[in-house]
């Protein structure tokens, strides 16, 4: 199977998966107890006003007709309007997506640094105190709820030490000129050093929280694969030729150990986009996760469905990219 055929097959398989997810979300939102119109207008609104609003929003149609209308609009790139704000959902999500991307990438980088280097060193010093501490850390941090870790960091660095902000993305009136929507990059592009400083300070606590939680997965994966790789004949031969230990570990063993780990890392990055909801809520981070929680409270069907669409597209896209990279590196995967 060629790489192009493999890519086409993966894309075609992703379409029904996304469709099933959207269908489940659509149906569940309409069968669970609660009425978005009553939530929007309040319980004391006259019945005539409630029915008129329900007709205006199309919620009085049969659920099958609503579903067909929704899919038709979705194919045209229309995610509908928010029931609460009456703004296009795509526009609202576009305002919040850069914040989620910035937080996710920053947390992912932290997880990579901790997981790869600590895992490689733990494998090199197998069964030492350093290795045991890495294993204890990975077990502990994996079992800790992300919101609890976030609140602990807020308490230590925000309340006790007062060195880092505990909420928000940047102070008012300090936003850099909008270029990419990513404050760190925009501040760098415009040489706005004060905005860069404040954006980084606000990003630090939620990013570290998110990064620490998934670093345990990377650490254990890297450590396990590195131990196997360092026991192979070619690494022993490299040591016998007098190559420095760091070169053996990082230039020979780590490179080969990373091939199976890349799949896990790619999938973890995809899950981070969808799994940042609790972190964003804990730190009042204005991303899609916070947006989703707010809209669920108000039973805003269109906004919730739109957020799920964005999450699904991001997760599927990253998964496909990871599969393509792996298929390019190792042609056996295509078969």
C-alpha atoms as a PDB file:
ATOM      1  CA  UNK A   1       0.000   0.000   0.000  1.00  0.00           C
ATOM      2  CA  UNK A   2       1.457   3.368  -0.991  1.00  0.00           C
ATOM      3  CA  UNK A   3       1.643   6.302   1.412  1.00  0.00           C
ATOM      4  CA  UNK A   4      -1.012   8.215  -0.574  1.00  0.00           C
ATOM      5  CA  UNK A   5      -3.419   5.271  -0.433  1.00  0.00           C
ATOM      6  CA  UNK A   6      -2.787   4.877   3.280  1.00  0.00           C
ATOM      7  CA  UNK A   7      -3.464   8.604   3.829  1.00  0.00           C
ATOM      8  CA  UNK A   8      -6.701   8.408   1.854  1.00  0.00           C
ATOM      9  CA  UNK A   9      -7.832   5.352   3.840  1.00  0.00           C
ATOM     10  CA  UNK A  10      -7.162   7.090   7.162  1.00  0.00           C
ATOM     11  CA  UNK A  11      -9.091  10.199   6.114  1.00  0.00           C
ATOM     12  CA  UNK A  12     -12.064   8.146   4.902  1.00  0.00           C
ATOM     13  CA  UNK A  13     -12.114   6.176   8.161  1.00  0.00           C
ATOM     14  CA  UNK A  14     -12.074   9.414  10.170  1.00  0.00           C
ATOM     15  CA  UNK A  15     -15.256  10.750   8.554  1.00  0.00           C
ATOM     16  CA  UNK A  16     -17.714   8.165   9.994  1.00  0.00           C
ATOM     17  CA  UNK A  17     -15.959   8.370  13.361  1.00  0.00           C
ATOM     18  CA  UNK A  18     -16.554  12.136  13.562  1.00  0.00           C
ATOM     19  CA  UNK A  19     -20.117  11.708  12.285  1.00  0.00           C
ATOM     20  CA  UNK A  20     -20.923   9.125  14.964  1.00  0.00           C
ATOM     21  CA  UNK A  21     -19.508  11.401  17.675  1.00  0.00           C
ATOM     22  CA  UNK A  22     -21.535  14.394  16.487  1.00  0.00           C
ATOM     23  CA  UNK A  23     -24.687  12.282  16.235  1.00  0.00           C
ATOM     24  CA  UNK A  24     -24.309  10.995  19.786  1.00  0.00           C
ATOM     25  CA  UNK A  25     -23.727  14.509  21.130  1.00  0.00           C
ATOM     26  CA  UNK A  26     -26.685  15.865  19.150  1.00  0.00           C
ATOM     27  CA  UNK A  27     -29.086  13.219  20.450  1.00  0.00           C
ATOM     28  CA  UNK A  28     -27.849  13.254  24.059  1.00  0.00           C
ATOM     29  CA  UNK A  29     -28.206  17.033  24.332  1.00  0.00           C
ATOM     30  CA  UNK A  30     -31.852  16.763  23.306  1.00  0.00           C
ATOM     31  CA  UNK A  31     -32.924  13.834  25.443  1.00  0.00           C
ATOM     32  CA  UNK A  32     -31.362  14.803  28.776  1.00  0.00           C
ATOM     33  CA  UNK A  33     -33.662  16.706  31.165  1.00  0.00           C
ATOM     34  CA  UNK A  34     -33.833  20.480  30.843  1.00  0.00           C
ATOM     35  CA  UNK A  35     -35.016  23.071  28.336  1.00  0.00           C
ATOM     36  CA  UNK A  36     -32.535  25.599  26.922  1.00  0.00           C
ATOM     37  CA  UNK A  37     -35.337  28.093  26.239  1.00  0.00           C
ATOM     38  CA  UNK A  38     -36.500  28.004  29.872  1.00  0.00           C
ATOM     39  CA  UNK A  39     -32.879  28.393  30.984  1.00  0.00           C
ATOM     40  CA  UNK A  40     -32.461  31.339  28.630  1.00  0.00           C
ATOM     41  CA  UNK A  41     -35.726  33.157  29.449  1.00  0.00           C
ATOM     42  CA  UNK A  42     -36.217  32.057  33.031  1.00  0.00           C
ATOM     43  CA  UNK A  43     -38.970  29.954  34.544  1.00  0.00           C
ATOM     44  CA  UNK A  44     -41.431  32.852  34.876  1.00  0.00           C
ATOM     45  CA  UNK A  45     -41.610  33.817  31.194  1.00  0.00           C
ATOM     46  CA  UNK A  46     -45.107  33.611  29.619  1.00  0.00           C
ATOM     47  CA  UNK A  47     -45.815  30.415  27.709  1.00  0.00           C
ATOM     48  CA  UNK A  48     -46.425  32.421  24.514  1.00  0.00           C
ATOM     49  CA  UNK A  49     -42.945  33.946  24.732  1.00  0.00           C
ATOM     50  CA  UNK A  50     -41.387  30.545  25.409  1.00  0.00           C
ATOM     51  CA  UNK A  51     -43.127  28.928  22.442  1.00  0.00           C
ATOM     52  CA  UNK A  52     -42.237  31.840  20.153  1.00  0.00           C
ATOM     53  CA  UNK A  53     -38.586  31.598  21.156  1.00  0.00           C
ATOM     54  CA  UNK A  54     -38.598  27.830  20.676  1.00  0.00           C
ATOM     55  CA  UNK A  55     -40.063  28.306  17.185  1.00  0.00           C
ATOM     56  CA  UNK A  56     -37.496  31.006  16.386  1.00  0.00           C
ATOM     57  CA  UNK A  57     -34.634  28.666  17.327  1.00  0.00           C
ATOM     58  CA  UNK A  58     -36.162  25.720  15.455  1.00  0.00           C
ATOM     59  CA  UNK A  59     -36.415  23.619  18.591  1.00  0.00           C
ATOM     60  CA  UNK A  60     -40.079  22.857  17.966  1.00  0.00           C
ATOM     61  CA  UNK A  61     -39.219  20.792  14.881  1.00  0.00           C
ATOM     62  CA  UNK A  62     -38.943  16.969  15.049  1.00  0.00           C
ATOM     63  CA  UNK A  63     -35.495  15.884  16.178  1.00  0.00           C
ATOM     64  CA  UNK A  64     -34.788  14.225  12.810  1.00  0.00           C
ATOM     65  CA  UNK A  65     -35.456  17.486  10.953  1.00  0.00           C
ATOM     66  CA  UNK A  66     -33.267  19.357  13.419  1.00  0.00           C
ATOM     67  CA  UNK A  67     -30.495  16.804  12.811  1.00  0.00           C
ATOM     68  CA  UNK A  68     -30.738  17.084   9.011  1.00  0.00           C
ATOM     69  CA  UNK A  69     -30.691  20.889   9.232  1.00  0.00           C
ATOM     70  CA  UNK A  70     -27.687  20.734  11.533  1.00  0.00           C
ATOM     71  CA  UNK A  71     -25.687  18.462   9.209  1.00  0.00           C
ATOM     72  CA  UNK A  72     -26.609  20.609   6.202  1.00  0.00           C
ATOM     73  CA  UNK A  73     -25.343  23.748   7.927  1.00  0.00           C
ATOM     74  CA  UNK A  74     -22.257  21.902   9.151  1.00  0.00           C
ATOM     75  CA  UNK A  75     -21.320  20.909   5.597  1.00  0.00           C
ATOM     76  CA  UNK A  76     -21.453  24.609   4.683  1.00  0.00           C
ATOM     77  CA  UNK A  77     -19.116  25.472   7.570  1.00  0.00           C
ATOM     78  CA  UNK A  78     -21.942  26.990   9.626  1.00  0.00           C
ATOM     79  CA  UNK A  79     -21.904  25.908  13.279  1.00  0.00           C
ATOM     80  CA  UNK A  80     -25.005  27.965  14.027  1.00  0.00           C
ATOM     81  CA  UNK A  81     -25.535  30.775  16.501  1.00  0.00           C
ATOM     82  CA  UNK A  82     -25.230  30.650  20.257  1.00  0.00           C
ATOM     83  CA  UNK A  83     -28.627  30.522  21.940  1.00  0.00           C
ATOM     84  CA  UNK A  84     -27.291  32.710  24.728  1.00  0.00           C
ATOM     85  CA  UNK A  85     -25.382  35.456  22.895  1.00  0.00           C
ATOM     86  CA  UNK A  86     -26.833  35.032  19.369  1.00  0.00           C
ATOM     87  CA  UNK A  87     -23.294  35.363  17.995  1.00  0.00           C
ATOM     88  CA  UNK A  88     -22.028  32.841  15.416  1.00  0.00           C
ATOM     89  CA  UNK A  89     -20.526  29.880  17.279  1.00  0.00           C
ATOM     90  CA  UNK A  90     -17.608  29.736  14.836  1.00  0.00           C
ATOM     91  CA  UNK A  91     -16.756  33.341  15.665  1.00  0.00           C
ATOM     92  CA  UNK A  92     -16.882  32.724  19.417  1.00  0.00           C
ATOM     93  CA  UNK A  93     -14.748  29.595  19.114  1.00  0.00           C
ATOM     94  CA  UNK A  94     -12.273  31.472  16.916  1.00  0.00           C
ATOM     95  CA  UNK A  95     -11.781  33.967  19.739  1.00  0.00           C
ATOM     96  CA  UNK A  96     -10.996  31.200  22.236  1.00  0.00           C
ATOM     97  CA  UNK A  97      -9.156  28.607  20.145  1.00  0.00           C
ATOM     98  CA  UNK A  98      -5.737  30.373  20.273  1.00  0.00           C
ATOM     99  CA  UNK A  99      -5.814  30.319  24.080  1.00  0.00           C
ATOM    100  CA  UNK A 100      -6.393  26.547  24.098  1.00  0.00           C
ATOM    101  CA  UNK A 101      -3.681  25.970  21.482  1.00  0.00           C
ATOM    102  CA  UNK A 102      -1.176  28.090  23.416  1.00  0.00           C
ATOM    103  CA  UNK A 103      -1.880  26.297  26.701  1.00  0.00           C
ATOM    104  CA  UNK A 104      -1.781  22.853  25.086  1.00  0.00           C
ATOM    105  CA  UNK A 105       1.501  23.405  23.238  1.00  0.00           C
ATOM    106  CA  UNK A 106       3.177  24.888  26.317  1.00  0.00           C
ATOM    107  CA  UNK A 107       2.030  21.981  28.500  1.00  0.00           C
ATOM    108  CA  UNK A 108       3.115  19.485  25.857  1.00  0.00           C
ATOM    109  CA  UNK A 109       6.622  20.988  25.694  1.00  0.00           C
ATOM    110  CA  UNK A 110       6.970  20.736  29.471  1.00  0.00           C
ATOM    111  CA  UNK A 111       5.820  17.111  29.374  1.00  0.00           C
ATOM    112  CA  UNK A 112       8.324  16.311  26.608  1.00  0.00           C
ATOM    113  CA  UNK A 113      11.256  17.881  28.448  1.00  0.00           C
ATOM    114  CA  UNK A 114      10.479  16.077  31.715  1.00  0.00           C
ATOM    115  CA  UNK A 115       9.465  12.783  30.138  1.00  0.00           C
ATOM    116  CA  UNK A 116      12.262  12.395  27.593  1.00  0.00           C
ATOM    117  CA  UNK A 117      15.266  13.547  29.580  1.00  0.00           C
ATOM    118  CA  UNK A 118      14.235  12.168  32.969  1.00  0.00           C
ATOM    119  CA  UNK A 119      13.134   8.906  31.355  1.00  0.00           C
ATOM    120  CA  UNK A 120      16.403   8.567  29.408  1.00  0.00           C
ATOM    121  CA  UNK A 121      18.524   9.287  32.481  1.00  0.00           C
ATOM    122  CA  UNK A 122      16.453   6.899  34.597  1.00  0.00           C
ATOM    123  CA  UNK A 123      17.070   4.154  32.028  1.00  0.00           C
ATOM    124  CA  UNK A 124      20.803   4.949  31.931  1.00  0.00           C
ATOM    125  CA  UNK A 125      20.969   4.731  35.742  1.00  0.00           C
ATOM    126  CA  UNK A 126      18.709   1.692  35.946  1.00  0.00           C
ATOM    127  CA  UNK A 127      17.787   0.630  39.529  1.00  0.00           C
ATOM    128  CA  UNK A 128      19.621   3.608  41.039  1.00  0.00           C
ATOM    129  CA  UNK A 129      18.071   6.157  43.411  1.00  0.00           C
ATOM    130  CA  UNK A 130      17.536   8.412  40.392  1.00  0.00           C
ATOM    131  CA  UNK A 131      15.589   5.663  38.619  1.00  0.00           C
ATOM    132  CA  UNK A 132      13.485   4.862  41.678  1.00  0.00           C
ATOM    133  CA  UNK A 133      12.636   8.544  42.154  1.00  0.00           C
ATOM    134  CA  UNK A 134      11.504   8.708  38.502  1.00  0.00           C
ATOM    135  CA  UNK A 135       9.214   5.708  38.988  1.00  0.00           C
ATOM    136  CA  UNK A 136       7.751   7.100  42.211  1.00  0.00           C
ATOM    137  CA  UNK A 137       7.166  10.470  40.524  1.00  0.00           C
ATOM    138  CA  UNK A 138       5.441   8.917  37.520  1.00  0.00           C
ATOM    139  CA  UNK A 139       3.088   6.849  39.683  1.00  0.00           C
ATOM    140  CA  UNK A 140       2.260   9.736  41.999  1.00  0.00           C
ATOM    141  CA  UNK A 141       1.712  12.391  39.332  1.00  0.00           C
ATOM    142  CA  UNK A 142      -0.378  10.039  37.175  1.00  0.00           C
ATOM    143  CA  UNK A 143      -2.777   9.409  40.075  1.00  0.00           C
ATOM    144  CA  UNK A 144      -3.209  13.080  41.002  1.00  0.00           C
ATOM    145  CA  UNK A 145      -6.370  14.829  39.678  1.00  0.00           C
ATOM    146  CA  UNK A 146      -5.405  17.731  37.445  1.00  0.00           C
ATOM    147  CA  UNK A 147      -7.712  20.210  39.210  1.00  0.00           C
ATOM    148  CA  UNK A 148      -6.232  19.296  42.623  1.00  0.00           C
ATOM    149  CA  UNK A 149      -2.691  19.808  41.348  1.00  0.00           C
ATOM    150  CA  UNK A 150      -3.733  23.120  39.826  1.00  0.00           C
ATOM    151  CA  UNK A 151      -5.260  24.348  43.083  1.00  0.00           C
ATOM    152  CA  UNK A 152      -2.155  23.295  45.043  1.00  0.00           C
ATOM    153  CA  UNK A 153       0.073  25.271  42.661  1.00  0.00           C
ATOM    154  CA  UNK A 154      -2.296  28.236  42.909  1.00  0.00           C
ATOM    155  CA  UNK A 155      -2.111  28.071  46.695  1.00  0.00           C
ATOM    156  CA  UNK A 156       1.694  27.847  46.789  1.00  0.00           C
ATOM    157  CA  UNK A 157       2.742  30.272  44.053  1.00  0.00           C
ATOM    158  CA  UNK A 158      -0.277  32.564  43.952  1.00  0.00           C
ATOM    159  CA  UNK A 159      -1.463  32.835  47.563  1.00  0.00           C
ATOM    160  CA  UNK A 160       1.543  32.027  49.761  1.00  0.00           C
ATOM    161  CA  UNK A 161       4.466  33.218  47.649  1.00  0.00           C
ATOM    162  CA  UNK A 162       2.508  35.751  45.548  1.00  0.00           C
ATOM    163  CA  UNK A 163       4.874  35.378  42.598  1.00  0.00           C
ATOM    164  CA  UNK A 164       2.477  34.156  39.874  1.00  0.00           C
ATOM    165  CA  UNK A 165      -1.113  35.015  38.886  1.00  0.00           C
ATOM    166  CA  UNK A 166      -3.683  32.311  39.516  1.00  0.00           C
ATOM    167  CA  UNK A 167      -6.269  33.129  36.841  1.00  0.00           C
ATOM    168  CA  UNK A 168      -6.750  34.727  33.452  1.00  0.00           C
ATOM    169  CA  UNK A 169      -4.553  34.948  30.391  1.00  0.00           C
ATOM    170  CA  UNK A 170      -3.158  38.491  30.570  1.00  0.00           C
ATOM    171  CA  UNK A 171      -3.990  41.696  32.508  1.00  0.00           C
ATOM    172  CA  UNK A 172      -6.513  44.058  30.896  1.00  0.00           C
ATOM    173  CA  UNK A 173      -5.087  46.610  28.426  1.00  0.00           C
ATOM    174  CA  UNK A 174      -1.865  44.595  28.052  1.00  0.00           C
ATOM    175  CA  UNK A 175      -2.884  42.377  25.145  1.00  0.00           C
ATOM    176  CA  UNK A 176      -0.341  42.472  22.288  1.00  0.00           C
ATOM    177  CA  UNK A 177      -1.382  43.378  18.769  1.00  0.00           C
ATOM    178  CA  UNK A 178      -3.456  40.500  17.380  1.00  0.00           C
ATOM    179  CA  UNK A 179      -1.531  38.586  14.711  1.00  0.00           C
ATOM    180  CA  UNK A 180      -1.859  34.871  15.495  1.00  0.00           C
ATOM    181  CA  UNK A 181      -3.983  35.057  18.633  1.00  0.00           C
ATOM    182  CA  UNK A 182      -1.165  33.358  20.565  1.00  0.00           C
ATOM    183  CA  UNK A 183      -0.058  36.049  23.024  1.00  0.00           C
ATOM    184  CA  UNK A 184       3.487  34.722  23.389  1.00  0.00           C
ATOM    185  CA  UNK A 185       4.103  34.783  19.640  1.00  0.00           C
ATOM    186  CA  UNK A 186       2.264  38.061  19.087  1.00  0.00           C
ATOM    187  CA  UNK A 187       4.306  39.764  21.811  1.00  0.00           C
ATOM    188  CA  UNK A 188       7.525  38.445  20.247  1.00  0.00           C
ATOM    189  CA  UNK A 189       6.526  39.532  16.744  1.00  0.00           C
ATOM    190  CA  UNK A 190       5.693  43.054  17.946  1.00  0.00           C
ATOM    191  CA  UNK A 191       8.610  43.270  20.430  1.00  0.00           C
ATOM    192  CA  UNK A 192       6.132  44.008  23.213  1.00  0.00           C
ATOM    193  CA  UNK A 193       8.256  42.780  26.103  1.00  0.00           C
ATOM    194  CA  UNK A 194       5.859  43.781  28.892  1.00  0.00           C
ATOM    195  CA  UNK A 195       3.046  41.805  27.266  1.00  0.00           C
ATOM    196  CA  UNK A 196       5.426  38.884  26.721  1.00  0.00           C
ATOM    197  CA  UNK A 197       6.375  38.877  30.395  1.00  0.00           C
ATOM    198  CA  UNK A 198       2.778  38.994  31.612  1.00  0.00           C
ATOM    199  CA  UNK A 199       1.540  36.444  29.061  1.00  0.00           C
ATOM    200  CA  UNK A 200       4.281  34.026  30.140  1.00  0.00           C
ATOM    201  CA  UNK A 201       3.575  34.576  33.849  1.00  0.00           C
ATOM    202  CA  UNK A 202      -0.121  33.824  33.343  1.00  0.00           C
ATOM    203  CA  UNK A 203       0.664  30.793  31.166  1.00  0.00           C
ATOM    204  CA  UNK A 204       3.171  29.263  33.571  1.00  0.00           C
ATOM    205  CA  UNK A 205       0.917  27.747  36.245  1.00  0.00           C
ATOM    206  CA  UNK A 206      -1.774  26.192  33.972  1.00  0.00           C
ATOM    207  CA  UNK A 207       0.890  25.052  31.506  1.00  0.00           C
ATOM    208  CA  UNK A 208       2.990  23.392  34.206  1.00  0.00           C
ATOM    209  CA  UNK A 209      -0.120  21.746  35.672  1.00  0.00           C
ATOM    210  CA  UNK A 210      -1.105  20.278  32.324  1.00  0.00           C
ATOM    211  CA  UNK A 211       2.466  19.292  31.467  1.00  0.00           C
ATOM    212  CA  UNK A 212       3.164  17.549  34.761  1.00  0.00           C
ATOM    213  CA  UNK A 213       0.057  15.396  34.497  1.00  0.00           C
ATOM    214  CA  UNK A 214       1.002  13.857  31.137  1.00  0.00           C
ATOM    215  CA  UNK A 215       4.771  13.852  31.750  1.00  0.00           C
ATOM    216  CA  UNK A 216       4.363  10.638  33.717  1.00  0.00           C
ATOM    217  CA  UNK A 217       3.136   8.819  30.593  1.00  0.00           C
ATOM    218  CA  UNK A 218       6.116  10.023  28.566  1.00  0.00           C
ATOM    219  CA  UNK A 219       8.572   9.248  31.364  1.00  0.00           C
ATOM    220  CA  UNK A 220       7.468   5.645  31.743  1.00  0.00           C
ATOM    221  CA  UNK A 221       7.334   5.073  27.991  1.00  0.00           C
ATOM    222  CA  UNK A 222      10.791   6.534  27.388  1.00  0.00           C
ATOM    223  CA  UNK A 223      12.297   4.726  30.362  1.00  0.00           C
ATOM    224  CA  UNK A 224      10.871   1.339  29.364  1.00  0.00           C
ATOM    225  CA  UNK A 225      11.904   1.613  25.712  1.00  0.00           C
ATOM    226  CA  UNK A 226      15.332   2.985  26.605  1.00  0.00           C
ATOM    227  CA  UNK A 227      16.068   0.082  28.955  1.00  0.00           C
ATOM    228  CA  UNK A 228      15.321  -2.347  26.132  1.00  0.00           C
ATOM    229  CA  UNK A 229      17.316  -0.340  23.606  1.00  0.00           C
ATOM    230  CA  UNK A 230      20.373   0.031  25.856  1.00  0.00           C
ATOM    231  CA  UNK A 231      20.514  -3.750  26.195  1.00  0.00           C
ATOM    232  CA  UNK A 232      20.751  -4.261  22.422  1.00  0.00           C
ATOM    233  CA  UNK A 233      23.959  -5.413  20.762  1.00  0.00           C
ATOM    234  CA  UNK A 234      24.551  -2.212  18.800  1.00  0.00           C
ATOM    235  CA  UNK A 235      24.605  -0.074  21.967  1.00  0.00           C
ATOM    236  CA  UNK A 236      27.042  -2.485  23.585  1.00  0.00           C
ATOM    237  CA  UNK A 237      29.191  -2.314  20.460  1.00  0.00           C
ATOM    238  CA  UNK A 238      29.091   1.496  20.595  1.00  0.00           C
ATOM    239  CA  UNK A 239      30.335   1.422  24.194  1.00  0.00           C
ATOM    240  CA  UNK A 240      33.049  -1.092  23.244  1.00  0.00           C
ATOM    241  CA  UNK A 241      34.311   1.315  20.577  1.00  0.00           C
ATOM    242  CA  UNK A 242      34.855   3.928  23.268  1.00  0.00           C
ATOM    243  CA  UNK A 243      31.961   6.232  22.369  1.00  0.00           C
ATOM    244  CA  UNK A 244      30.982   8.509  25.228  1.00  0.00           C
ATOM    245  CA  UNK A 245      28.060   7.313  27.319  1.00  0.00           C
ATOM    246  CA  UNK A 246      25.968  10.411  26.597  1.00  0.00           C
ATOM    247  CA  UNK A 247      26.409   9.867  22.862  1.00  0.00           C
ATOM    248  CA  UNK A 248      25.388   6.226  23.226  1.00  0.00           C
ATOM    249  CA  UNK A 249      22.281   7.215  25.193  1.00  0.00           C
ATOM    250  CA  UNK A 250      21.087  10.283  23.305  1.00  0.00           C
ATOM    251  CA  UNK A 251      22.428   9.797  19.757  1.00  0.00           C
ATOM    252  CA  UNK A 252      21.998   6.037  19.368  1.00  0.00           C
ATOM    253  CA  UNK A 253      19.596   4.536  21.906  1.00  0.00           C
ATOM    254  CA  UNK A 254      17.139   7.420  22.302  1.00  0.00           C
ATOM    255  CA  UNK A 255      16.746   7.895  18.556  1.00  0.00           C
ATOM    256  CA  UNK A 256      15.701   4.269  18.077  1.00  0.00           C
ATOM    257  CA  UNK A 257      13.580   4.165  21.227  1.00  0.00           C
ATOM    258  CA  UNK A 258      11.549   7.181  20.093  1.00  0.00           C
ATOM    259  CA  UNK A 259       9.956   5.457  17.070  1.00  0.00           C
ATOM    260  CA  UNK A 260       7.204   3.611  19.028  1.00  0.00           C
ATOM    261  CA  UNK A 261       6.929   6.478  21.532  1.00  0.00           C
ATOM    262  CA  UNK A 262       5.993   9.002  18.829  1.00  0.00           C
ATOM    263  CA  UNK A 263       2.578   7.407  18.424  1.00  0.00           C
ATOM    264  CA  UNK A 264       1.808   7.795  22.124  1.00  0.00           C
ATOM    265  CA  UNK A 265       3.097  11.364  22.150  1.00  0.00           C
ATOM    266  CA  UNK A 266       0.967  12.311  19.171  1.00  0.00           C
ATOM    267  CA  UNK A 267      -2.150  10.807  20.703  1.00  0.00           C
ATOM    268  CA  UNK A 268      -1.417  12.514  24.024  1.00  0.00           C
ATOM    269  CA  UNK A 269      -1.163  15.859  22.218  1.00  0.00           C
ATOM    270  CA  UNK A 270      -4.539  15.199  20.628  1.00  0.00           C
ATOM    271  CA  UNK A 271      -6.038  14.268  23.992  1.00  0.00           C
ATOM    272  CA  UNK A 272      -4.551  17.389  25.567  1.00  0.00           C
ATOM    273  CA  UNK A 273      -6.710  19.612  23.370  1.00  0.00           C
ATOM    274  CA  UNK A 274      -9.831  17.857  24.588  1.00  0.00           C
ATOM    275  CA  UNK A 275      -8.546  17.209  28.105  1.00  0.00           C
ATOM    276  CA  UNK A 276      -7.604  20.768  28.989  1.00  0.00           C
ATOM    277  CA  UNK A 277     -11.167  21.497  30.143  1.00  0.00           C
ATOM    278  CA  UNK A 278     -10.468  20.985  33.864  1.00  0.00           C
ATOM    279  CA  UNK A 279      -7.210  22.941  33.702  1.00  0.00           C
ATOM    280  CA  UNK A 280      -8.860  25.870  31.917  1.00  0.00           C
ATOM    281  CA  UNK A 281     -11.731  25.862  34.392  1.00  0.00           C
ATOM    282  CA  UNK A 282      -9.385  25.755  37.400  1.00  0.00           C
ATOM    283  CA  UNK A 283      -7.340  28.717  36.155  1.00  0.00           C
ATOM    284  CA  UNK A 284     -10.226  30.625  34.496  1.00  0.00           C
ATOM    285  CA  UNK A 285      -8.287  30.289  31.252  1.00  0.00           C
ATOM    286  CA  UNK A 286     -10.384  31.754  28.393  1.00  0.00           C
ATOM    287  CA  UNK A 287     -10.126  28.764  26.072  1.00  0.00           C
ATOM    288  CA  UNK A 288     -12.575  26.367  24.488  1.00  0.00           C
ATOM    289  CA  UNK A 289     -12.710  24.231  27.642  1.00  0.00           C
ATOM    290  CA  UNK A 290     -14.025  27.096  29.768  1.00  0.00           C
ATOM    291  CA  UNK A 291     -16.371  28.068  26.938  1.00  0.00           C
ATOM    292  CA  UNK A 292     -17.751  24.514  26.789  1.00  0.00           C
ATOM    293  CA  UNK A 293     -18.405  24.374  30.538  1.00  0.00           C
ATOM    294  CA  UNK A 294     -20.226  27.729  30.451  1.00  0.00           C
ATOM    295  CA  UNK A 295     -22.415  26.690  27.524  1.00  0.00           C
ATOM    296  CA  UNK A 296     -23.275  23.336  29.091  1.00  0.00           C
ATOM    297  CA  UNK A 297     -24.583  25.165  32.165  1.00  0.00           C
ATOM    298  CA  UNK A 298     -26.971  27.191  29.977  1.00  0.00           C
ATOM    299  CA  UNK A 299     -27.894  24.211  27.779  1.00  0.00           C
ATOM    300  CA  UNK A 300     -26.672  26.097  24.715  1.00  0.00           C
ATOM    301  CA  UNK A 301     -27.051  23.314  22.151  1.00  0.00           C
ATOM    302  CA  UNK A 302     -25.394  25.007  19.202  1.00  0.00           C
ATOM    303  CA  UNK A 303     -22.384  26.223  21.184  1.00  0.00           C
ATOM    304  CA  UNK A 304     -21.773  22.812  22.793  1.00  0.00           C
ATOM    305  CA  UNK A 305     -22.084  21.049  19.440  1.00  0.00           C
ATOM    306  CA  UNK A 306     -19.718  23.567  17.850  1.00  0.00           C
ATOM    307  CA  UNK A 307     -17.088  23.057  20.549  1.00  0.00           C
ATOM    308  CA  UNK A 308     -17.333  19.270  20.135  1.00  0.00           C
ATOM    309  CA  UNK A 309     -16.874  19.668  16.370  1.00  0.00           C
ATOM    310  CA  UNK A 310     -13.671  21.666  16.904  1.00  0.00           C
ATOM    311  CA  UNK A 311     -12.354  19.128  19.425  1.00  0.00           C
ATOM    312  CA  UNK A 312     -13.184  16.221  17.110  1.00  0.00           C
ATOM    313  CA  UNK A 313     -11.508  17.833  14.107  1.00  0.00           C
ATOM    314  CA  UNK A 314      -8.342  18.614  16.098  1.00  0.00           C
ATOM    315  CA  UNK A 315      -8.091  15.127  17.604  1.00  0.00           C
ATOM    316  CA  UNK A 316      -8.706  13.381  14.269  1.00  0.00           C
ATOM    317  CA  UNK A 317      -6.277  15.664  12.406  1.00  0.00           C
ATOM    318  CA  UNK A 318      -3.468  15.086  14.889  1.00  0.00           C
ATOM    319  CA  UNK A 319      -4.143  11.331  14.906  1.00  0.00           C
ATOM    320  CA  UNK A 320      -3.932  11.208  11.109  1.00  0.00           C
ATOM    321  CA  UNK A 321      -0.694  13.230  11.099  1.00  0.00           C
ATOM    322  CA  UNK A 322       0.829  10.845  13.653  1.00  0.00           C
ATOM    323  CA  UNK A 323      -0.225   7.815  11.597  1.00  0.00           C
ATOM    324  CA  UNK A 324       1.263   9.323   8.443  1.00  0.00           C
ATOM    325  CA  UNK A 325       4.567  10.109  10.154  1.00  0.00           C
ATOM    326  CA  UNK A 326       4.763   6.583  11.550  1.00  0.00           C
ATOM    327  CA  UNK A 327       3.887   5.069   8.165  1.00  0.00           C
ATOM    328  CA  UNK A 328       6.598   7.186   6.544  1.00  0.00           C
ATOM    329  CA  UNK A 329       9.189   6.141   9.143  1.00  0.00           C
ATOM    330  CA  UNK A 330       8.180   2.480   9.219  1.00  0.00           C
ATOM    331  CA  UNK A 331       6.551   1.259   5.954  1.00  0.00           C
ATOM    332  CA  UNK A 332       5.420  -1.963   7.684  1.00  0.00           C
ATOM    333  CA  UNK A 333       2.604   0.021   9.364  1.00  0.00           C
ATOM    334  CA  UNK A 334       0.876   0.581   6.016  1.00  0.00           C
ATOM    335  CA  UNK A 335       0.348  -3.185   5.690  1.00  0.00           C
END
